[in-house]
């Protein structure tokens, strides 16, 4: 049975405290893990990114910012059945500011590919749960080069034998940036490796589709139906944190889809 969850947010924390939130799990991450344990007592968790502003492109990624130590600690705290991390970025040093910004030069494609593969193997071999890699939404500026290409993603997944967390909004944004449709964007990906989904509503800003975490629209549900038919998903996370009514309505729609 596919489990349904939400991302950790001020809204989901409030609804949980008011006994209005009925989900299978909460997905938490990074430094907010400590407070999540208190905010969601007796709740199951998934861990997504044990730390922030961290890149698999760093030559010493597992040592950088005590990544491996923090990852092990937060896996133990959450008892998460798997760990998911971003497949990226294309620079070793990065900082989030609306989108991820590169603080060091982007690596060339070959170096980036081999570095990410080496670090992914290193991470997977030193944790006690499966590792999933999440696709990202392409944005210009040096942090997202190559890593959003479906063939790049597929090669990393195949060569590291890892699973995938497919973020549907990220895929739609990248497809739009690359001038293709979502069906063709997804086609090269090894869908049999997809074990978890993130879903939220992207939006056009001017002529550019962006990862906006807005309410799901008809096209989002349509893409989800296609993905569900091609995969054996274990968990679907709704990434929405703005309005109570919208969150609860989307959860009900997703629950109906997953039970159908």
Protein backbone atom coordinates (compact mmCIF):
# COMPACT_ATOMS: atom_id res chain seq x y z
CA UNK A 1 0.00 0.00 0.00
CA UNK A 2 1.29 3.45 -0.93
CA UNK A 3 1.68 5.73 2.05
CA UNK A 4 0.63 9.38 1.97
CA UNK A 5 2.48 12.08 3.88
CA UNK A 6 3.19 15.78 4.11
CA UNK A 7 6.29 17.89 4.42
CA UNK A 8 7.21 19.31 7.81
CA UNK A 9 5.98 22.92 8.05
CA UNK A 10 4.38 25.38 10.44
CA UNK A 11 1.00 24.52 8.90
CA UNK A 12 1.36 20.75 9.20
CA UNK A 13 2.63 21.14 12.77
CA UNK A 14 -0.39 23.23 13.74
CA UNK A 15 -2.87 20.88 12.10
CA UNK A 16 -1.26 17.90 13.81
CA UNK A 17 -1.51 19.62 17.20
CA UNK A 18 -5.23 20.26 16.51
CA UNK A 19 -5.82 16.61 15.49
CA UNK A 20 -6.77 17.70 11.97
CA UNK A 21 -3.93 15.99 10.11
CA UNK A 22 -4.32 12.30 9.26
CA UNK A 23 -1.31 11.08 7.29
CA UNK A 24 0.95 8.03 7.30
CA UNK A 25 4.12 10.02 7.89
CA UNK A 26 5.75 13.45 8.01
CA UNK A 27 8.82 14.21 5.93
CA UNK A 28 11.32 16.33 7.83
CA UNK A 29 14.85 17.45 7.10
CA UNK A 30 18.04 19.13 8.19
CA UNK A 31 18.24 21.11 11.43
CA UNK A 32 14.45 21.08 12.00
CA UNK A 33 14.57 17.36 12.85
CA UNK A 34 15.06 18.12 16.54
CA UNK A 35 11.87 20.17 16.85
CA UNK A 36 9.93 17.84 14.53
CA UNK A 37 10.28 15.02 17.06
CA UNK A 38 8.49 17.19 19.60
CA UNK A 39 5.94 18.65 17.19
CA UNK A 40 4.85 15.25 15.86
CA UNK A 41 4.93 12.83 18.82
CA UNK A 42 4.47 9.16 17.90
CA UNK A 43 4.42 10.04 14.19
CA UNK A 44 6.35 8.11 11.55
CA UNK A 45 9.00 10.14 9.70
CA UNK A 46 10.89 10.17 6.45
CA UNK A 47 14.23 11.98 6.38
CA UNK A 48 14.91 14.16 3.35
CA UNK A 49 18.36 15.82 3.33
CA UNK A 50 20.07 15.53 6.68
CA UNK A 51 21.62 18.97 6.19
CA UNK A 52 21.08 22.02 4.01
CA UNK A 53 23.33 23.84 1.54
CA UNK A 54 25.28 20.65 0.85
CA UNK A 55 26.29 19.20 -2.49
CA UNK A 56 27.22 15.74 -3.73
CA UNK A 57 29.63 17.58 -6.03
CA UNK A 58 31.94 18.43 -3.14
CA UNK A 59 35.13 16.36 -3.40
CA UNK A 60 34.88 15.52 0.32
CA UNK A 61 31.11 15.59 0.55
CA UNK A 62 30.81 13.10 3.41
CA UNK A 63 33.24 15.08 5.57
CA UNK A 64 32.02 18.54 4.52
CA UNK A 65 29.90 20.12 7.28
CA UNK A 66 30.10 16.81 9.19
CA UNK A 67 27.62 15.42 6.66
CA UNK A 68 28.03 11.74 7.44
CA UNK A 69 27.89 12.24 11.21
CA UNK A 70 24.76 14.40 10.95
CA UNK A 71 23.15 11.98 8.54
CA UNK A 72 23.64 9.03 10.87
CA UNK A 73 22.42 11.05 13.84
CA UNK A 74 19.24 12.23 12.11
CA UNK A 75 18.49 8.80 10.69
CA UNK A 76 18.67 7.44 14.22
CA UNK A 77 16.44 10.22 15.54
CA UNK A 78 13.74 9.81 12.90
CA UNK A 79 13.94 6.03 12.39
CA UNK A 80 13.36 6.80 8.73
CA UNK A 81 13.08 3.65 6.56
CA UNK A 82 15.21 5.35 3.89
CA UNK A 83 17.17 8.54 3.27
CA UNK A 84 16.54 10.84 0.33
CA UNK A 85 18.96 13.56 -0.80
CA UNK A 86 19.19 15.97 -3.70
CA UNK A 87 21.01 14.66 -6.76
CA UNK A 88 23.27 17.64 -7.06
CA UNK A 89 24.49 20.25 -7.27
CA UNK A 90 26.89 21.13 -10.09
CA UNK A 91 29.10 23.20 -7.79
CA UNK A 92 30.83 22.06 -4.61
CA UNK A 93 29.87 25.14 -2.58
CA UNK A 94 26.25 26.27 -2.72
CA UNK A 95 23.81 28.48 -0.81
CA UNK A 96 20.04 28.62 -1.10
CA UNK A 97 18.52 32.01 -1.98
CA UNK A 98 15.10 31.43 -3.63
CA UNK A 99 16.96 28.90 -5.78
CA UNK A 100 20.30 27.24 -5.11
CA UNK A 101 23.21 29.56 -5.88
CA UNK A 102 26.69 28.38 -6.83
CA UNK A 103 29.41 29.81 -4.58
CA UNK A 104 32.18 28.00 -6.48
CA UNK A 105 32.65 27.27 -10.19
CA UNK A 106 30.46 24.62 -11.80
CA UNK A 107 32.33 21.40 -12.53
CA UNK A 108 32.56 20.07 -16.07
CA UNK A 109 30.11 17.29 -16.88
CA UNK A 110 32.55 14.37 -16.68
CA UNK A 111 34.08 15.49 -13.38
CA UNK A 112 30.66 16.21 -11.93
CA UNK A 113 29.28 12.82 -12.94
CA UNK A 114 32.19 10.87 -11.46
CA UNK A 115 32.24 12.95 -8.27
CA UNK A 116 28.53 12.50 -7.64
CA UNK A 117 28.76 8.77 -8.33
CA UNK A 118 31.71 8.36 -5.97
CA UNK A 119 30.01 10.31 -3.19
CA UNK A 120 26.71 8.51 -3.70
CA UNK A 121 28.43 5.14 -3.37
CA UNK A 122 30.23 6.38 -0.27
CA UNK A 123 27.02 7.59 1.36
CA UNK A 124 25.00 4.50 0.44
CA UNK A 125 27.63 2.17 1.85
CA UNK A 126 27.87 3.93 5.21
CA UNK A 127 24.20 4.14 6.18
CA UNK A 128 21.93 1.29 7.21
CA UNK A 129 18.90 2.22 5.10
CA UNK A 130 18.33 2.54 1.34
CA UNK A 131 19.33 5.78 -0.38
CA UNK A 132 17.08 7.66 -2.80
CA UNK A 133 18.24 10.51 -5.04
CA UNK A 134 15.87 13.36 -5.88
CA UNK A 135 15.73 15.10 -9.26
CA UNK A 136 15.93 18.90 -9.22
CA UNK A 137 14.33 21.82 -11.05
CA UNK A 138 16.69 23.48 -13.51
CA UNK A 139 17.57 27.12 -12.81
CA UNK A 140 20.35 29.11 -14.47
CA UNK A 141 23.30 30.36 -12.46
CA UNK A 142 25.76 27.49 -12.20
CA UNK A 143 24.23 25.25 -9.52
CA UNK A 144 22.00 23.12 -11.76
CA UNK A 145 24.15 22.40 -14.81
CA UNK A 146 23.87 18.83 -16.14
CA UNK A 147 22.19 17.42 -13.03
CA UNK A 148 18.67 17.99 -14.36
CA UNK A 149 19.30 16.19 -17.65
CA UNK A 150 17.33 12.91 -17.68
CA UNK A 151 20.29 11.00 -19.15
CA UNK A 152 22.58 12.32 -16.40
CA UNK A 153 20.09 11.34 -13.70
CA UNK A 154 19.61 7.90 -15.23
CA UNK A 155 23.35 7.22 -15.42
CA UNK A 156 23.89 8.16 -11.77
CA UNK A 157 21.00 5.94 -10.65
CA UNK A 158 22.11 2.97 -12.74
CA UNK A 159 25.79 3.18 -11.84
CA UNK A 160 25.13 3.59 -8.13
CA UNK A 161 22.20 1.15 -7.97
CA UNK A 162 20.18 3.64 -5.94
CA UNK A 163 16.49 4.37 -5.88
CA UNK A 164 14.84 7.59 -6.94
CA UNK A 165 12.66 10.18 -5.31
CA UNK A 166 10.81 11.69 -8.27
CA UNK A 167 9.73 15.28 -7.66
CA UNK A 168 7.01 15.83 -10.25
CA UNK A 169 7.07 19.62 -10.00
CA UNK A 170 10.85 19.61 -10.42
CA UNK A 171 10.49 17.41 -13.49
CA UNK A 172 7.87 19.69 -15.00
CA UNK A 173 10.05 22.76 -14.42
CA UNK A 174 13.14 21.12 -15.93
CA UNK A 175 11.15 19.87 -18.92
CA UNK A 176 9.84 23.37 -19.52
CA UNK A 177 13.34 24.89 -19.24
CA UNK A 178 14.68 22.33 -21.73
CA UNK A 179 11.83 22.99 -24.17
CA UNK A 180 10.29 19.54 -24.00
CA UNK A 181 7.10 18.02 -22.62
CA UNK A 182 6.92 16.11 -19.38
CA UNK A 183 6.28 12.75 -21.08
CA UNK A 184 9.47 13.00 -23.14
CA UNK A 185 11.41 14.30 -20.14
CA UNK A 186 10.45 11.30 -18.02
CA UNK A 187 10.99 8.72 -20.79
CA UNK A 188 14.78 8.19 -20.26
CA UNK A 189 14.43 7.81 -16.49
CA UNK A 190 14.52 4.31 -14.93
CA UNK A 191 10.99 4.48 -13.53
CA UNK A 192 11.38 1.09 -11.90
CA UNK A 193 13.77 2.79 -9.46
CA UNK A 194 11.22 5.39 -8.33
CA UNK A 195 10.14 4.58 -4.76
CA UNK A 196 8.85 7.94 -3.54
CA UNK A 197 7.17 10.99 -5.05
CA UNK A 198 7.11 14.67 -4.13
CA UNK A 199 4.14 16.51 -5.55
CA UNK A 200 3.18 20.19 -5.53
CA UNK A 201 1.92 22.76 -7.99
CA UNK A 202 4.42 24.73 -10.10
CA UNK A 203 3.38 28.10 -11.53
CA UNK A 204 4.26 30.33 -14.44
CA UNK A 205 6.11 33.51 -13.45
CA UNK A 206 6.04 35.54 -16.62
CA UNK A 207 6.90 32.90 -19.21
CA UNK A 208 8.97 30.73 -16.86
CA UNK A 209 7.56 27.73 -15.02
CA UNK A 210 8.84 27.69 -11.44
CA UNK A 211 8.72 25.35 -8.47
CA UNK A 212 6.18 27.33 -6.43
CA UNK A 213 4.67 24.74 -4.04
CA UNK A 214 1.19 25.99 -4.87
CA UNK A 215 -2.00 23.86 -4.81
CA UNK A 216 -2.19 21.00 -7.27
CA UNK A 217 -4.02 21.64 -10.53
CA UNK A 218 -5.54 19.31 -13.10
CA UNK A 219 -2.27 18.84 -14.99
CA UNK A 220 -0.45 17.88 -11.79
CA UNK A 221 -2.99 15.15 -11.05
CA UNK A 222 -2.82 13.96 -14.66
CA UNK A 223 0.97 13.60 -14.53
CA UNK A 224 0.66 11.84 -11.19
CA UNK A 225 -1.76 9.30 -12.70
CA UNK A 226 0.74 8.54 -15.46
CA UNK A 227 3.64 8.17 -13.01
CA UNK A 228 1.62 5.91 -10.71
CA UNK A 229 0.83 3.64 -13.65
CA UNK A 230 4.56 3.29 -14.45
CA UNK A 231 5.99 2.81 -10.96
CA UNK A 232 5.71 0.86 -7.74
CA UNK A 233 5.57 3.78 -5.34
CA UNK A 234 5.91 3.32 -1.60
CA UNK A 235 5.24 6.93 -0.54
CA UNK A 236 3.78 10.17 -1.88
CA UNK A 237 4.65 13.43 -0.10
CA UNK A 238 2.50 16.51 -0.60
CA UNK A 239 4.76 19.58 -0.41
CA UNK A 240 2.30 22.33 0.39
CA UNK A 241 2.34 24.63 3.45
CA UNK A 242 0.14 27.67 2.87
CA UNK A 243 -3.62 27.33 3.48
CA UNK A 244 -5.34 24.82 5.76
CA UNK A 245 -8.32 24.20 3.50
CA UNK A 246 -6.16 23.71 0.42
CA UNK A 247 -3.88 21.27 2.23
CA UNK A 248 -6.71 19.12 3.56
CA UNK A 249 -8.54 19.14 0.22
CA UNK A 250 -5.43 18.02 -1.67
CA UNK A 251 -4.75 15.27 0.85
CA UNK A 252 -8.27 13.93 0.38
CA UNK A 253 -7.92 13.95 -3.41
CA UNK A 254 -4.56 12.18 -3.22
CA UNK A 255 -5.90 9.65 -0.72
CA UNK A 256 -8.73 8.81 -3.12
CA UNK A 257 -6.31 8.41 -6.02
CA UNK A 258 -3.96 6.15 -4.09
CA UNK A 259 -6.79 3.94 -2.84
CA UNK A 260 -8.41 3.66 -6.26
